[in-house]
């Protein structure tokens, strides 16, 4: 799903917490019907010249948190943000030790150059990189394949995978009581 933030915010300059909450309400309304399978929801900032930190906190971060708390099949991704918008997002994620998925999105809704903005802790970074490499995995597979890290038990791998899913960086797939995890966007790199 692609949501044009320029149209939703009705301006090239998106500013203010109150306006951000108004736009977040629209986002939640647009995504209230759950897809049957996990899918990215691209928050497309094409045409937006400026988005303030207060607006972005209320829309992008709070929307992502609300969606992930409800264990939605939607996974928010910021798309086509210009450097000004990305700089404001960088301030937000660095001050909160948070991470977002960004990409470029073409006219056919195909993502390009997916990357993380923010900083993962080293254990989460390792786990993210392993999911990206494998494309799909679970905690038991990671434990078996990485026995050289002896202190890491299956529960620890599961906690790391679950944390990445809660941040919306990997997709959680339930198979009965078991859970598998796959890349949200293939080829995503760890940025700054």
C-alpha atoms as a PDB file:
ATOM      1  CA  UNK A   1       0.000   0.000   0.000  1.00  0.00           C
ATOM      2  CA  UNK A   2       1.229   3.466  -0.899  1.00  0.00           C
ATOM      3  CA  UNK A   3       0.002   6.575   0.933  1.00  0.00           C
ATOM      4  CA  UNK A   4       0.919   9.955  -0.526  1.00  0.00           C
ATOM      5  CA  UNK A   5       1.802  12.207   2.408  1.00  0.00           C
ATOM      6  CA  UNK A   6       1.598  15.322   0.211  1.00  0.00           C
ATOM      7  CA  UNK A   7      -2.088  14.591  -0.439  1.00  0.00           C
ATOM      8  CA  UNK A   8      -2.829  13.428   3.091  1.00  0.00           C
ATOM      9  CA  UNK A   9      -1.235  16.513   4.666  1.00  0.00           C
ATOM     10  CA  UNK A  10      -2.534  18.773   1.892  1.00  0.00           C
ATOM     11  CA  UNK A  11       0.681  20.810   1.805  1.00  0.00           C
ATOM     12  CA  UNK A  12       4.318  20.786   0.668  1.00  0.00           C
ATOM     13  CA  UNK A  13       5.308  21.851   4.179  1.00  0.00           C
ATOM     14  CA  UNK A  14       4.079  19.479   6.883  1.00  0.00           C
ATOM     15  CA  UNK A  15       4.481  21.054  10.284  1.00  0.00           C
ATOM     16  CA  UNK A  16       3.272  20.871  13.858  1.00  0.00           C
ATOM     17  CA  UNK A  17       2.216  18.218  16.323  1.00  0.00           C
ATOM     18  CA  UNK A  18      -1.506  18.992  16.012  1.00  0.00           C
ATOM     19  CA  UNK A  19      -1.382  18.646  12.240  1.00  0.00           C
ATOM     20  CA  UNK A  20       0.677  15.480  12.704  1.00  0.00           C
ATOM     21  CA  UNK A  21      -1.990  13.928  14.940  1.00  0.00           C
ATOM     22  CA  UNK A  22      -4.663  14.825  12.376  1.00  0.00           C
ATOM     23  CA  UNK A  23      -2.674  13.107   9.618  1.00  0.00           C
ATOM     24  CA  UNK A  24      -1.957  10.116  11.862  1.00  0.00           C
ATOM     25  CA  UNK A  25      -5.729   9.681  12.389  1.00  0.00           C
ATOM     26  CA  UNK A  26      -6.128   9.557   8.599  1.00  0.00           C
ATOM     27  CA  UNK A  27      -3.313   7.010   8.335  1.00  0.00           C
ATOM     28  CA  UNK A  28      -4.964   4.787  10.925  1.00  0.00           C
ATOM     29  CA  UNK A  29      -8.274   5.081   9.088  1.00  0.00           C
ATOM     30  CA  UNK A  30      -6.677   4.143   5.757  1.00  0.00           C
ATOM     31  CA  UNK A  31      -5.070   1.070   7.320  1.00  0.00           C
ATOM     32  CA  UNK A  32      -7.875  -0.096   9.608  1.00  0.00           C
ATOM     33  CA  UNK A  33      -8.694  -3.092   7.370  1.00  0.00           C
ATOM     34  CA  UNK A  34      -5.941  -5.646   7.902  1.00  0.00           C
ATOM     35  CA  UNK A  35      -4.374  -7.413   4.919  1.00  0.00           C
ATOM     36  CA  UNK A  36      -4.378 -11.204   5.083  1.00  0.00           C
ATOM     37  CA  UNK A  37      -0.618 -11.354   4.647  1.00  0.00           C
ATOM     38  CA  UNK A  38       2.125  -8.992   5.826  1.00  0.00           C
ATOM     39  CA  UNK A  39       2.760  -6.044   3.530  1.00  0.00           C
ATOM     40  CA  UNK A  40       4.672  -2.781   3.628  1.00  0.00           C
ATOM     41  CA  UNK A  41       2.704   0.454   3.860  1.00  0.00           C
ATOM     42  CA  UNK A  42       4.792   3.086   2.109  1.00  0.00           C
ATOM     43  CA  UNK A  43       4.483   6.581   3.561  1.00  0.00           C
ATOM     44  CA  UNK A  44       5.458   8.378   0.351  1.00  0.00           C
ATOM     45  CA  UNK A  45       6.937  11.832   0.968  1.00  0.00           C
ATOM     46  CA  UNK A  46       7.434  12.640  -2.739  1.00  0.00           C
ATOM     47  CA  UNK A  47       6.648  16.315  -3.287  1.00  0.00           C
ATOM     48  CA  UNK A  48       6.927  17.202   0.409  1.00  0.00           C
ATOM     49  CA  UNK A  49       9.588  19.921   0.714  1.00  0.00           C
ATOM     50  CA  UNK A  50       9.736  20.096   4.510  1.00  0.00           C
ATOM     51  CA  UNK A  51       8.344  18.010   7.366  1.00  0.00           C
ATOM     52  CA  UNK A  52       9.135  19.170  10.882  1.00  0.00           C
ATOM     53  CA  UNK A  53      10.291  16.865  13.657  1.00  0.00           C
ATOM     54  CA  UNK A  54       7.065  17.488  15.605  1.00  0.00           C
ATOM     55  CA  UNK A  55       4.957  16.497  12.597  1.00  0.00           C
ATOM     56  CA  UNK A  56       7.079  13.418  11.888  1.00  0.00           C
ATOM     57  CA  UNK A  57       7.014  12.279  15.520  1.00  0.00           C
ATOM     58  CA  UNK A  58       3.205  12.357  15.544  1.00  0.00           C
ATOM     59  CA  UNK A  59       2.779  10.764  12.126  1.00  0.00           C
ATOM     60  CA  UNK A  60       5.631   8.450  11.219  1.00  0.00           C
ATOM     61  CA  UNK A  61       6.865   7.319  14.645  1.00  0.00           C
ATOM     62  CA  UNK A  62       3.555   7.267  16.522  1.00  0.00           C
ATOM     63  CA  UNK A  63       1.748   5.681  13.562  1.00  0.00           C
ATOM     64  CA  UNK A  64       4.438   2.976  13.296  1.00  0.00           C
ATOM     65  CA  UNK A  65       4.222   2.327  17.037  1.00  0.00           C
ATOM     66  CA  UNK A  66       0.406   2.121  16.971  1.00  0.00           C
ATOM     67  CA  UNK A  67       0.430  -0.271  14.016  1.00  0.00           C
ATOM     68  CA  UNK A  68       3.081  -2.510  15.557  1.00  0.00           C
ATOM     69  CA  UNK A  69       1.357  -2.533  18.987  1.00  0.00           C
ATOM     70  CA  UNK A  70      -1.760  -3.958  17.382  1.00  0.00           C
ATOM     71  CA  UNK A  71       0.461  -6.632  15.755  1.00  0.00           C
ATOM     72  CA  UNK A  72      -0.735  -5.533  12.352  1.00  0.00           C
ATOM     73  CA  UNK A  73       0.182  -7.113   9.048  1.00  0.00           C
ATOM     74  CA  UNK A  74       1.129  -3.584   7.914  1.00  0.00           C
ATOM     75  CA  UNK A  75       4.787  -2.596   8.168  1.00  0.00           C
ATOM     76  CA  UNK A  76       5.352   1.172   7.713  1.00  0.00           C
ATOM     77  CA  UNK A  77       8.246   2.304   5.508  1.00  0.00           C
ATOM     78  CA  UNK A  78       9.197   5.920   4.761  1.00  0.00           C
ATOM     79  CA  UNK A  79       9.551   6.370   1.002  1.00  0.00           C
ATOM     80  CA  UNK A  80      10.952   9.117  -1.210  1.00  0.00           C
ATOM     81  CA  UNK A  81      11.933  11.449   1.618  1.00  0.00           C
ATOM     82  CA  UNK A  82      14.131  14.324   0.464  1.00  0.00           C
ATOM     83  CA  UNK A  83      17.262  15.255   2.406  1.00  0.00           C
ATOM     84  CA  UNK A  84      15.455  17.861   4.545  1.00  0.00           C
ATOM     85  CA  UNK A  85      12.802  15.351   5.654  1.00  0.00           C
ATOM     86  CA  UNK A  86      15.411  12.646   6.182  1.00  0.00           C
ATOM     87  CA  UNK A  87      17.505  15.005   8.336  1.00  0.00           C
ATOM     88  CA  UNK A  88      14.479  15.676  10.578  1.00  0.00           C
ATOM     89  CA  UNK A  89      13.833  11.929  10.849  1.00  0.00           C
ATOM     90  CA  UNK A  90      17.496  11.386  11.710  1.00  0.00           C
ATOM     91  CA  UNK A  91      17.203  13.837  14.611  1.00  0.00           C
ATOM     92  CA  UNK A  92      14.150  11.970  15.915  1.00  0.00           C
ATOM     93  CA  UNK A  93      15.597   8.480  15.714  1.00  0.00           C
ATOM     94  CA  UNK A  94      18.969   9.459  17.129  1.00  0.00           C
ATOM     95  CA  UNK A  95      17.449  11.203  20.144  1.00  0.00           C
ATOM     96  CA  UNK A  96      15.171   8.240  20.901  1.00  0.00           C
ATOM     97  CA  UNK A  97      17.615   5.453  19.944  1.00  0.00           C
ATOM     98  CA  UNK A  98      15.062   4.370  17.341  1.00  0.00           C
ATOM     99  CA  UNK A  99      15.295   2.935  13.828  1.00  0.00           C
ATOM    100  CA  UNK A 100      13.160   3.352  10.695  1.00  0.00           C
ATOM    101  CA  UNK A 101      13.119   1.643   7.313  1.00  0.00           C
ATOM    102  CA  UNK A 102      13.502   4.031   4.355  1.00  0.00           C
ATOM    103  CA  UNK A 103      13.509   3.469   0.613  1.00  0.00           C
ATOM    104  CA  UNK A 104      12.931   5.019  -2.749  1.00  0.00           C
ATOM    105  CA  UNK A 105       9.679   3.988  -4.399  1.00  0.00           C
ATOM    106  CA  UNK A 106       9.088   4.041  -8.144  1.00  0.00           C
ATOM    107  CA  UNK A 107       5.854   4.674 -10.053  1.00  0.00           C
ATOM    108  CA  UNK A 108       5.097   0.927 -10.004  1.00  0.00           C
ATOM    109  CA  UNK A 109       5.303   0.834  -6.170  1.00  0.00           C
ATOM    110  CA  UNK A 110       8.577  -1.089  -6.332  1.00  0.00           C
ATOM    111  CA  UNK A 111      11.018  -0.226  -3.526  1.00  0.00           C
ATOM    112  CA  UNK A 112      14.654   0.575  -4.294  1.00  0.00           C
ATOM    113  CA  UNK A 113      17.680   1.210  -2.084  1.00  0.00           C
ATOM    114  CA  UNK A 114      16.039   0.112   1.186  1.00  0.00           C
ATOM    115  CA  UNK A 115      18.029   1.100   4.255  1.00  0.00           C
ATOM    116  CA  UNK A 116      17.756   1.615   7.966  1.00  0.00           C
ATOM    117  CA  UNK A 117      17.933   5.080   9.479  1.00  0.00           C
ATOM    118  CA  UNK A 118      19.045   5.106  13.096  1.00  0.00           C
ATOM    119  CA  UNK A 119      21.200   2.828  15.171  1.00  0.00           C
ATOM    120  CA  UNK A 120      20.575  -0.748  16.241  1.00  0.00           C
ATOM    121  CA  UNK A 121      22.452  -2.195  19.171  1.00  0.00           C
ATOM    122  CA  UNK A 122      25.175  -4.648  18.063  1.00  0.00           C
ATOM    123  CA  UNK A 123      23.126  -7.776  18.829  1.00  0.00           C
ATOM    124  CA  UNK A 124      20.096  -6.482  16.942  1.00  0.00           C
ATOM    125  CA  UNK A 125      22.360  -5.425  14.079  1.00  0.00           C
ATOM    126  CA  UNK A 126      23.828  -8.939  13.839  1.00  0.00           C
ATOM    127  CA  UNK A 127      20.336 -10.451  13.902  1.00  0.00           C
ATOM    128  CA  UNK A 128      19.030  -7.995  11.269  1.00  0.00           C
ATOM    129  CA  UNK A 129      21.992  -8.781   8.998  1.00  0.00           C
ATOM    130  CA  UNK A 130      21.394 -12.526   9.377  1.00  0.00           C
ATOM    131  CA  UNK A 131      17.710 -12.179   8.464  1.00  0.00           C
ATOM    132  CA  UNK A 132      18.670 -10.075   5.433  1.00  0.00           C
ATOM    133  CA  UNK A 133      21.191 -12.701   4.371  1.00  0.00           C
ATOM    134  CA  UNK A 134      18.855 -15.669   4.848  1.00  0.00           C
ATOM    135  CA  UNK A 135      15.674 -13.853   3.714  1.00  0.00           C
ATOM    136  CA  UNK A 136      13.655 -16.034   6.123  1.00  0.00           C
ATOM    137  CA  UNK A 137      14.613 -17.771   9.358  1.00  0.00           C
ATOM    138  CA  UNK A 138      13.649 -18.554  12.926  1.00  0.00           C
ATOM    139  CA  UNK A 139      15.388 -18.573  16.301  1.00  0.00           C
ATOM    140  CA  UNK A 140      16.210 -22.297  16.196  1.00  0.00           C
ATOM    141  CA  UNK A 141      17.956 -21.984  12.818  1.00  0.00           C
ATOM    142  CA  UNK A 142      20.017 -19.024  13.994  1.00  0.00           C
ATOM    143  CA  UNK A 143      21.033 -20.850  17.156  1.00  0.00           C
ATOM    144  CA  UNK A 144      22.082 -23.971  15.211  1.00  0.00           C
ATOM    145  CA  UNK A 145      24.015 -22.037  12.575  1.00  0.00           C
ATOM    146  CA  UNK A 146      25.802 -19.770  15.035  1.00  0.00           C
ATOM    147  CA  UNK A 147      26.941 -22.150  17.721  1.00  0.00           C
ATOM    148  CA  UNK A 148      30.248 -20.262  17.895  1.00  0.00           C
ATOM    149  CA  UNK A 149      28.317 -17.671  19.895  1.00  0.00           C
ATOM    150  CA  UNK A 150      27.862 -20.177  22.730  1.00  0.00           C
ATOM    151  CA  UNK A 151      26.154 -17.864  25.200  1.00  0.00           C
ATOM    152  CA  UNK A 152      23.279 -17.144  22.805  1.00  0.00           C
ATOM    153  CA  UNK A 153      20.400 -19.535  23.394  1.00  0.00           C
ATOM    154  CA  UNK A 154      17.291 -19.936  21.261  1.00  0.00           C
ATOM    155  CA  UNK A 155      15.295 -17.688  23.610  1.00  0.00           C
ATOM    156  CA  UNK A 156      17.790 -14.855  23.112  1.00  0.00           C
ATOM    157  CA  UNK A 157      17.602 -15.224  19.312  1.00  0.00           C
ATOM    158  CA  UNK A 158      13.816 -15.224  19.554  1.00  0.00           C
ATOM    159  CA  UNK A 159      13.856 -12.055  21.683  1.00  0.00           C
ATOM    160  CA  UNK A 160      16.089 -10.311  19.156  1.00  0.00           C
ATOM    161  CA  UNK A 161      13.891 -11.342  16.238  1.00  0.00           C
ATOM    162  CA  UNK A 162      10.767 -10.277  18.094  1.00  0.00           C
ATOM    163  CA  UNK A 163      12.307  -6.880  18.917  1.00  0.00           C
ATOM    164  CA  UNK A 164      13.128  -6.306  15.239  1.00  0.00           C
ATOM    165  CA  UNK A 165       9.555  -7.232  14.288  1.00  0.00           C
ATOM    166  CA  UNK A 166       8.198  -4.844  16.929  1.00  0.00           C
ATOM    167  CA  UNK A 167      10.266  -2.067  15.334  1.00  0.00           C
ATOM    168  CA  UNK A 168       8.789  -3.004  11.958  1.00  0.00           C
ATOM    169  CA  UNK A 169      12.161  -3.959  10.471  1.00  0.00           C
ATOM    170  CA  UNK A 170      11.458  -7.649   9.830  1.00  0.00           C
ATOM    171  CA  UNK A 171       8.179  -9.445   9.185  1.00  0.00           C
ATOM    172  CA  UNK A 172       6.869 -11.912  11.756  1.00  0.00           C
ATOM    173  CA  UNK A 173       5.092 -14.965  10.326  1.00  0.00           C
ATOM    174  CA  UNK A 174       3.107 -17.227  12.643  1.00  0.00           C
ATOM    175  CA  UNK A 175       3.027 -20.944  11.915  1.00  0.00           C
ATOM    176  CA  UNK A 176       0.896 -22.266  14.748  1.00  0.00           C
ATOM    177  CA  UNK A 177       2.886 -21.659  17.899  1.00  0.00           C
ATOM    178  CA  UNK A 178       6.124 -21.267  15.957  1.00  0.00           C
ATOM    179  CA  UNK A 179       7.245 -17.975  14.472  1.00  0.00           C
ATOM    180  CA  UNK A 180       9.405 -17.331  11.462  1.00  0.00           C
ATOM    181  CA  UNK A 181      10.864 -14.019  10.395  1.00  0.00           C
ATOM    182  CA  UNK A 182      11.657 -12.656   6.954  1.00  0.00           C
ATOM    183  CA  UNK A 183      13.091  -9.527   5.441  1.00  0.00           C
ATOM    184  CA  UNK A 184      10.663  -6.649   5.110  1.00  0.00           C
ATOM    185  CA  UNK A 185      12.517  -5.305   2.073  1.00  0.00           C
ATOM    186  CA  UNK A 186      15.111  -7.536   0.454  1.00  0.00           C
ATOM    187  CA  UNK A 187      18.538  -6.012   0.180  1.00  0.00           C
ATOM    188  CA  UNK A 188      18.021  -3.492   2.982  1.00  0.00           C
ATOM    189  CA  UNK A 189      21.282  -2.108   4.230  1.00  0.00           C
ATOM    190  CA  UNK A 190      22.208  -0.706   7.576  1.00  0.00           C
ATOM    191  CA  UNK A 191      22.647   3.028   7.192  1.00  0.00           C
ATOM    192  CA  UNK A 192      23.512   5.493   9.911  1.00  0.00           C
END
